[in-house]
């Protein structure tokens, strides 16, 4: 496995840095594009390894949204 880390020296302290993950890149882009200081970005993922009824999954997600209506709040 290739090591993508890089070392930098900042104020005479050596720091090991790694490339941003995909989620971190999205958050960083949002942070740069947002004109406000407040930014909350919650990411999630789901890996499905079996046959799935996606219409039923979609229905369940929207039902969860309805139950937790606060998830749809947007602050400007």
Protein backbone atom coordinates (compact mmCIF):
# COMPACT_ATOMS: atom_id res chain seq x y z
CA UNK A 1 0.00 0.00 0.00
CA UNK A 2 1.39 3.37 -1.02
CA UNK A 3 1.95 5.98 1.70
CA UNK A 4 0.56 9.35 0.57
CA UNK A 5 1.67 11.25 3.67
CA UNK A 6 3.93 14.29 3.43
CA UNK A 7 6.02 15.93 6.12
CA UNK A 8 6.07 19.68 6.66
CA UNK A 9 7.95 21.79 9.13
CA UNK A 10 5.91 24.54 10.78
CA UNK A 11 7.53 26.69 13.47
CA UNK A 12 10.34 24.14 13.80
CA UNK A 13 7.86 21.32 14.39
CA UNK A 14 7.60 18.44 11.92
CA UNK A 15 4.03 17.60 10.96
CA UNK A 16 2.85 14.59 8.99
CA UNK A 17 -0.05 15.46 6.68
CA UNK A 18 -2.32 13.22 4.63
CA UNK A 19 -4.55 14.00 1.63
CA UNK A 20 -8.14 14.95 2.39
CA UNK A 21 -10.81 12.29 2.12
CA UNK A 22 -13.70 12.77 -0.32
CA UNK A 23 -15.99 13.89 2.53
CA UNK A 24 -13.37 16.37 3.75
CA UNK A 25 -12.95 17.79 0.23
CA UNK A 26 -16.73 18.33 -0.06
CA UNK A 27 -16.82 20.03 3.33
CA UNK A 28 -13.82 22.20 2.44
CA UNK A 29 -15.49 23.25 -0.84
CA UNK A 30 -18.72 24.10 1.02
CA UNK A 31 -16.76 26.07 3.60
CA UNK A 32 -15.04 28.13 0.90
CA UNK A 33 -18.30 28.71 -1.04
CA UNK A 34 -20.44 29.62 1.97
CA UNK A 35 -20.52 33.37 2.72
CA UNK A 36 -21.38 32.73 6.38
CA UNK A 37 -19.12 31.47 9.15
CA UNK A 38 -21.66 28.92 10.32
CA UNK A 39 -21.61 25.74 8.26
CA UNK A 40 -22.72 22.29 9.30
CA UNK A 41 -22.25 19.44 6.90
CA UNK A 42 -23.20 15.95 8.02
CA UNK A 43 -22.30 13.16 5.64
CA UNK A 44 -23.26 9.53 5.73
CA UNK A 45 -22.84 6.46 3.60
CA UNK A 46 -24.54 3.13 3.11
CA UNK A 47 -23.10 0.02 1.51
CA UNK A 48 -25.68 -2.51 0.39
CA UNK A 49 -24.44 -6.03 -0.27
CA UNK A 50 -27.73 -7.79 -0.94
CA UNK A 51 -30.85 -7.52 -3.08
CA UNK A 52 -32.76 -4.42 -1.95
CA UNK A 53 -36.15 -2.91 -2.71
CA UNK A 54 -35.05 0.69 -3.31
CA UNK A 55 -38.60 2.04 -3.51
CA UNK A 56 -39.25 0.68 0.00
CA UNK A 57 -35.92 2.09 1.21
CA UNK A 58 -36.83 5.50 -0.24
CA UNK A 59 -40.22 5.35 1.47
CA UNK A 60 -38.56 4.51 4.80
CA UNK A 61 -36.12 7.41 4.46
CA UNK A 62 -38.92 9.89 3.76
CA UNK A 63 -40.87 8.52 6.72
CA UNK A 64 -37.81 9.10 8.92
CA UNK A 65 -37.60 12.68 7.57
CA UNK A 66 -41.26 13.21 8.48
CA UNK A 67 -40.68 11.90 12.00
CA UNK A 68 -37.58 14.04 12.50
CA UNK A 69 -38.75 17.22 10.81
CA UNK A 70 -35.89 19.18 12.38
CA UNK A 71 -33.51 17.41 9.99
CA UNK A 72 -34.85 19.63 7.21
CA UNK A 73 -34.12 22.96 8.93
CA UNK A 74 -31.99 25.43 7.03
CA UNK A 75 -30.39 28.40 8.75
CA UNK A 76 -29.39 31.37 6.59
